[in-house]
Every structure is written in structure tokens, then in C-alpha cells.
Amino acid sequence: MVDTRTSKTGMVMGHEGPYVQLRPPHGGTEWDAPPDALREPTQSEELSSKVAVANGRWGR
């Protein structure tokens, strides 16, 4: 999902109260976002996230 407030892409990890918890695809600290501030990523955003994850595995 994409947090439209920050344009950050994150994987949904759960729900806490009225918020959705997201974590960056390559790992890191979770953050909370209201559901109405989320949208599906575009194909380009999704591919970019997958490339970032793959680069992290290869140490780039």
C-alpha cells in the first residue's frame, strides 16, 4: 500500500485501533496510517519496491 500523506510504500502488517500498520518492503520501523490515506501502488511503485528488496538481498 502507499501512504498518500508521505508517498511511502509499505506492506500491511496489521491493524491497531483505527489505524493500519505498515512496514517498508525492505524492512524497518512500522508506522501507522489511517485507512483513508492508503491506496494501492501503481505498477511502477510496486516494481520499484520489489527491486529495492532484491537489491537489499544482494547487498547493493
PDB file of N, CA and C in Angstrom:
ATOM      1  N   MET A   1       0.839  -1.178   0.000  1.00  0.00           N
ATOM      2  CA  MET A   1       0.000   0.000   0.000  1.00  0.00           C
ATOM      3  C   MET A   1       0.887   1.245   0.000  1.00  0.00           C
ATOM      4  N   VAL A   2       0.316   2.328  -0.452  1.00  0.00           N
ATOM      5  CA  VAL A   2       1.026   3.605  -0.458  1.00  0.00           C
ATOM      6  C   VAL A   2       0.319   4.550   0.499  1.00  0.00           C
ATOM      7  N   ASP A   3       1.100   5.117   1.407  1.00  0.00           N
ATOM      8  CA  ASP A   3       0.593   6.130   2.331  1.00  0.00           C
ATOM      9  C   ASP A   3       0.598   7.447   1.565  1.00  0.00           C
ATOM     10  N   THR A   4      -0.580   7.950   1.220  1.00  0.00           N
ATOM     11  CA  THR A   4      -0.670   9.147   0.384  1.00  0.00           C
ATOM     12  C   THR A   4      -0.190  10.405   1.105  1.00  0.00           C
ATOM     13  N   ARG A   5      -0.072  10.340   2.420  1.00  0.00           N
ATOM     14  CA  ARG A   5       0.417  11.507   3.165  1.00  0.00           C
ATOM     15  C   ARG A   5       1.911  11.693   2.970  1.00  0.00           C
ATOM     16  N   THR A   6       2.645  10.578   2.775  1.00  0.00           N
ATOM     17  CA  THR A   6       4.103  10.644   2.676  1.00  0.00           C
ATOM     18  C   THR A   6       4.643  10.062   1.373  1.00  0.00           C
ATOM     19  N   SER A   7       3.783   9.396   0.602  1.00  0.00           N
ATOM     20  CA  SER A   7       4.156   8.687  -0.633  1.00  0.00           C
ATOM     21  C   SER A   7       5.056   7.480  -0.367  1.00  0.00           C
ATOM     22  N   LYS A   8       5.118   7.028   0.899  1.00  0.00           N
ATOM     23  CA  LYS A   8       5.912   5.851   1.227  1.00  0.00           C
ATOM     24  C   LYS A   8       5.107   4.589   0.929  1.00  0.00           C
ATOM     25  N   THR A   9       5.808   3.573   0.411  1.00  0.00           N
ATOM     26  CA  THR A   9       5.201   2.284   0.147  1.00  0.00           C
ATOM     27  C   THR A   9       5.463   1.372   1.330  1.00  0.00           C
ATOM     28  N   GLY A  10       4.435   0.623   1.731  1.00  0.00           N
ATOM     29  CA  GLY A  10       4.598  -0.283   2.860  1.00  0.00           C
ATOM     30  C   GLY A  10       3.733  -1.518   2.736  1.00  0.00           C
ATOM     31  N   MET A  11       4.149  -2.563   3.429  1.00  0.00           N
ATOM     32  CA  MET A  11       3.369  -3.795   3.496  1.00  0.00           C
ATOM     33  C   MET A  11       2.483  -3.711   4.732  1.00  0.00           C
ATOM     34  N   VAL A  12       1.231  -4.109   4.592  1.00  0.00           N
ATOM     35  CA  VAL A  12       0.315  -4.096   5.722  1.00  0.00           C
ATOM     36  C   VAL A  12       0.712  -5.198   6.688  1.00  0.00           C
ATOM     37  N   MET A  13       0.939  -4.801   7.942  1.00  0.00           N
ATOM     38  CA  MET A  13       1.346  -5.747   8.972  1.00  0.00           C
ATOM     39  C   MET A  13       0.212  -6.043   9.949  1.00  0.00           C
ATOM     40  N   GLY A  14      -0.760  -5.156  10.016  1.00  0.00           N
ATOM     41  CA  GLY A  14      -1.879  -5.369  10.924  1.00  0.00           C
ATOM     42  C   GLY A  14      -2.680  -4.105  11.113  1.00  0.00           C
ATOM     43  N   HIS A  15      -3.589  -4.173  12.073  1.00  0.00           N
ATOM     44  CA  HIS A  15      -4.460  -3.039  12.398  1.00  0.00           C
ATOM     45  C   HIS A  15      -4.351  -2.789  13.896  1.00  0.00           C
ATOM     46  N   GLU A  16      -4.306  -1.534  14.272  1.00  0.00           N
ATOM     47  CA  GLU A  16      -4.274  -1.153  15.683  1.00  0.00           C
ATOM     48  C   GLU A  16      -5.260  -0.009  15.851  1.00  0.00           C
ATOM     49  N   GLY A  17      -6.371  -0.289  16.483  1.00  0.00           N
ATOM     50  CA  GLY A  17      -7.406   0.729  16.626  1.00  0.00           C
ATOM     51  C   GLY A  17      -7.879   1.161  15.247  1.00  0.00           C
ATOM     52  N   PRO A  18      -7.956   2.463  15.016  1.00  0.00           N
ATOM     53  CA  PRO A  18      -8.443   2.941  13.719  1.00  0.00           C
ATOM     54  C   PRO A  18      -7.353   3.005  12.642  1.00  0.00           C
ATOM     55  N   TYR A  19      -6.141   2.549  12.947  1.00  0.00           N
ATOM     56  CA  TYR A  19      -5.019   2.691  12.021  1.00  0.00           C
ATOM     57  C   TYR A  19      -4.575   1.361  11.424  1.00  0.00           C
ATOM     58  N   VAL A  20      -3.957   1.450  10.254  1.00  0.00           N
ATOM     59  CA  VAL A  20      -3.329   0.303   9.598  1.00  0.00           C
ATOM     60  C   VAL A  20      -1.834   0.434   9.844  1.00  0.00           C
ATOM     61  N   GLN A  21      -1.201  -0.662  10.228  1.00  0.00           N
ATOM     62  CA  GLN A  21       0.243  -0.643  10.473  1.00  0.00           C
ATOM     63  C   GLN A  21       0.960  -1.105   9.216  1.00  0.00           C
ATOM     64  N   LEU A  22       1.908  -0.302   8.772  1.00  0.00           N
ATOM     65  CA  LEU A  22       2.677  -0.572   7.553  1.00  0.00           C
ATOM     66  C   LEU A  22       4.150  -0.700   7.905  1.00  0.00           C
ATOM     67  N   ARG A  23       4.856  -1.502   7.122  1.00  0.00           N
ATOM     68  CA  ARG A  23       6.307  -1.637   7.267  1.00  0.00           C
ATOM     69  C   ARG A  23       6.923  -1.492   5.881  1.00  0.00           C
ATOM     70  N   PRO A  24       8.063  -0.786   5.769  1.00  0.00           N
ATOM     71  CA  PRO A  24       8.719  -0.669   4.474  1.00  0.00           C
ATOM     72  C   PRO A  24       9.023  -2.059   3.904  1.00  0.00           C
ATOM     73  N   PRO A  25       8.912  -2.249   2.601  1.00  0.00           N
ATOM     74  CA  PRO A  25       9.140  -3.564   1.990  1.00  0.00           C
ATOM     75  C   PRO A  25      10.526  -4.131   2.278  1.00  0.00           C
ATOM     76  N   HIS A  26      11.525  -3.292   2.443  1.00  0.00           N
ATOM     77  CA  HIS A  26      12.893  -3.757   2.689  1.00  0.00           C
ATOM     78  C   HIS A  26      13.204  -3.851   4.176  1.00  0.00           C
ATOM     79  N   GLY A  27      12.172  -3.729   5.015  1.00  0.00           N
ATOM     80  CA  GLY A  27      12.344  -3.822   6.460  1.00  0.00           C
ATOM     81  C   GLY A  27      12.459  -2.450   7.087  1.00  0.00           C
ATOM     82  N   GLY A  28      12.329  -2.418   8.369  1.00  0.00           N
ATOM     83  CA  GLY A  28      12.435  -1.147   9.062  1.00  0.00           C
ATOM     84  C   GLY A  28      11.301  -0.965  10.047  1.00  0.00           C
ATOM     85  N   THR A  29      11.165   0.238  10.512  1.00  0.00           N
ATOM     86  CA  THR A  29      10.191   0.573  11.533  1.00  0.00           C
ATOM     87  C   THR A  29       8.798   0.713  10.943  1.00  0.00           C
ATOM     88  N   GLU A  30       7.834   0.094  11.618  1.00  0.00           N
ATOM     89  CA  GLU A  30       6.442   0.220  11.194  1.00  0.00           C
ATOM     90  C   GLU A  30       5.933   1.624  11.499  1.00  0.00           C
ATOM     91  N   TRP A  31       4.925   2.033  10.743  1.00  0.00           N
ATOM     92  CA  TRP A  31       4.256   3.289  11.030  1.00  0.00           C
ATOM     93  C   TRP A  31       2.757   3.075  10.881  1.00  0.00           C
ATOM     94  N   ASP A  32       1.986   3.954  11.474  1.00  0.00           N
ATOM     95  CA  ASP A  32       0.532   3.878  11.428  1.00  0.00           C
ATOM     96  C   ASP A  32      -0.004   4.859  10.404  1.00  0.00           C
ATOM     97  N   ALA A  33      -1.045   4.433   9.705  1.00  0.00           N
ATOM     98  CA  ALA A  33      -1.699   5.301   8.734  1.00  0.00           C
ATOM     99  C   ALA A  33      -3.202   5.078   8.808  1.00  0.00           C
ATOM    100  N   PRO A  34      -3.967   6.137   8.669  1.00  0.00           N
ATOM    101  CA  PRO A  34      -5.415   5.953   8.623  1.00  0.00           C
ATOM    102  C   PRO A  34      -5.796   5.272   7.305  1.00  0.00           C
ATOM    103  N   PRO A  35      -6.784   4.395   7.334  1.00  0.00           N
ATOM    104  CA  PRO A  35      -7.160   3.665   6.116  1.00  0.00           C
ATOM    105  C   PRO A  35      -7.510   4.560   4.930  1.00  0.00           C
ATOM    106  N   ASP A  36      -8.087   5.723   5.202  1.00  0.00           N
ATOM    107  CA  ASP A  36      -8.464   6.603   4.089  1.00  0.00           C
ATOM    108  C   ASP A  36      -7.265   7.304   3.453  1.00  0.00           C
ATOM    109  N   ALA A  37      -6.069   7.148   4.027  1.00  0.00           N
ATOM    110  CA  ALA A  37      -4.849   7.731   3.460  1.00  0.00           C
ATOM    111  C   ALA A  37      -4.050   6.696   2.673  1.00  0.00           C
ATOM    112  N   LEU A  38      -4.622   5.507   2.451  1.00  0.00           N
ATOM    113  CA  LEU A  38      -3.912   4.440   1.736  1.00  0.00           C
ATOM    114  C   LEU A  38      -4.521   4.205   0.368  1.00  0.00           C
ATOM    115  N   ARG A  39      -3.646   3.792  -0.534  1.00  0.00           N
ATOM    116  CA  ARG A  39      -4.105   3.395  -1.878  1.00  0.00           C
ATOM    117  C   ARG A  39      -3.225   2.256  -2.372  1.00  0.00           C
ATOM    118  N   GLU A  40      -3.720   1.550  -3.366  1.00  0.00           N
ATOM    119  CA  GLU A  40      -2.936   0.500  -4.000  1.00  0.00           C
ATOM    120  C   GLU A  40      -1.770   1.139  -4.756  1.00  0.00           C
ATOM    121  N   PRO A  41      -0.593   0.502  -4.767  1.00  0.00           N
ATOM    122  CA  PRO A  41       0.534   1.066  -5.525  1.00  0.00           C
ATOM    123  C   PRO A  41       0.317   0.903  -7.030  1.00  0.00           C
ATOM    124  N   THR A  42       0.907   1.814  -7.791  1.00  0.00           N
ATOM    125  CA  THR A  42       0.897   1.664  -9.244  1.00  0.00           C
ATOM    126  C   THR A  42       1.848   0.527  -9.598  1.00  0.00           C
ATOM    127  N   GLN A  43       1.818   0.068 -10.817  1.00  0.00           N
ATOM    128  CA  GLN A  43       2.741  -0.987 -11.240  1.00  0.00           C
ATOM    129  C   GLN A  43       4.183  -0.524 -11.073  1.00  0.00           C
ATOM    130  N   SER A  44       4.443   0.716 -11.393  1.00  0.00           N
ATOM    131  CA  SER A  44       5.792   1.264 -11.274  1.00  0.00           C
ATOM    132  C   SER A  44       6.253   1.285  -9.814  1.00  0.00           C
ATOM    133  N   GLU A  45       5.383   1.719  -8.904  1.00  0.00           N
ATOM    134  CA  GLU A  45       5.728   1.755  -7.481  1.00  0.00           C
ATOM    135  C   GLU A  45       5.963   0.352  -6.935  1.00  0.00           C
ATOM    136  N   GLU A  46       5.124  -0.583  -7.356  1.00  0.00           N
ATOM    137  CA  GLU A  46       5.276  -1.958  -6.890  1.00  0.00           C
ATOM    138  C   GLU A  46       6.591  -2.553  -7.382  1.00  0.00           C
ATOM    139  N   LEU A  47       6.920  -2.337  -8.649  1.00  0.00           N
ATOM    140  CA  LEU A  47       8.176  -2.838  -9.198  1.00  0.00           C
ATOM    141  C   LEU A  47       9.374  -2.201  -8.496  1.00  0.00           C
ATOM    142  N   SER A  48       9.300  -0.910  -8.240  1.00  0.00           N
ATOM    143  CA  SER A  48      10.386  -0.214  -7.560  1.00  0.00           C
ATOM    144  C   SER A  48      10.617  -0.802  -6.166  1.00  0.00           C
ATOM    145  N   SER A  49       9.547  -1.112  -5.454  1.00  0.00           N
ATOM    146  CA  SER A  49       9.678  -1.718  -4.127  1.00  0.00           C
ATOM    147  C   SER A  49      10.316  -3.096  -4.211  1.00  0.00           C
ATOM    148  N   LYS A  50       9.912  -3.880  -5.203  1.00  0.00           N
ATOM    149  CA  LYS A  50      10.474  -5.219  -5.363  1.00  0.00           C
ATOM    150  C   LYS A  50      11.961  -5.157  -5.715  1.00  0.00           C
ATOM    151  N   VAL A  51      12.344  -4.196  -6.529  1.00  0.00           N
ATOM    152  CA  VAL A  51      13.753  -4.028  -6.884  1.00  0.00           C
ATOM    153  C   VAL A  51      14.556  -3.629  -5.639  1.00  0.00           C
ATOM    154  N   ALA A  52      14.002  -2.755  -4.810  1.00  0.00           N
ATOM    155  CA  ALA A  52      14.695  -2.343  -3.594  1.00  0.00           C
ATOM    156  C   ALA A  52      14.916  -3.536  -2.661  1.00  0.00           C
ATOM    157  N   VAL A  53      13.924  -4.410  -2.562  1.00  0.00           N
ATOM    158  CA  VAL A  53      14.051  -5.595  -1.724  1.00  0.00           C
ATOM    159  C   VAL A  53      15.135  -6.512  -2.300  1.00  0.00           C
ATOM    160  N   ALA A  54      15.102  -6.728  -3.617  1.00  0.00           N
ATOM    161  CA  ALA A  54      16.096  -7.601  -4.266  1.00  0.00           C
ATOM    162  C   ALA A  54      17.501  -7.024  -4.104  1.00  0.00           C
ATOM    163  N   ASN A  55      17.650  -5.730  -4.266  1.00  0.00           N
ATOM    164  CA  ASN A  55      18.964  -5.099  -4.095  1.00  0.00           C
ATOM    165  C   ASN A  55      19.466  -5.265  -2.671  1.00  0.00           C
ATOM    166  N   GLY A  56      18.570  -5.206  -1.700  1.00  0.00           N
ATOM    167  CA  GLY A  56      18.962  -5.404  -0.311  1.00  0.00           C
ATOM    168  C   GLY A  56      19.490  -6.802  -0.066  1.00  0.00           C
ATOM    169  N   ARG A  57      18.925  -7.792  -0.744  1.00  0.00           N
ATOM    170  CA  ARG A  57      19.392  -9.169  -0.592  1.00  0.00           C
ATOM    171  C   ARG A  57      20.781  -9.343  -1.183  1.00  0.00           C
ATOM    172  N   TRP A  58      21.089  -8.575  -2.199  1.00  0.00           N
ATOM    173  CA  TRP A  58      22.376  -8.720  -2.883  1.00  0.00           C
ATOM    174  C   TRP A  58      23.396  -7.704  -2.399  1.00  0.00           C
ATOM    175  N   GLY A  59      23.040  -6.936  -1.380  1.00  0.00           N
ATOM    176  CA  GLY A  59      23.991  -6.002  -0.774  1.00  0.00           C
ATOM    177  C   GLY A  59      24.269  -4.772  -1.597  1.00  0.00           C
ATOM    178  N   ARG A  60      23.330  -4.355  -2.386  1.00  0.00           N
ATOM    179  CA  ARG A  60      23.551  -3.148  -3.216  1.00  0.00           C
ATOM    180  C   ARG A  60      22.859  -1.960  -2.633  1.00  0.00           C
TER     181      ARG A  60
END
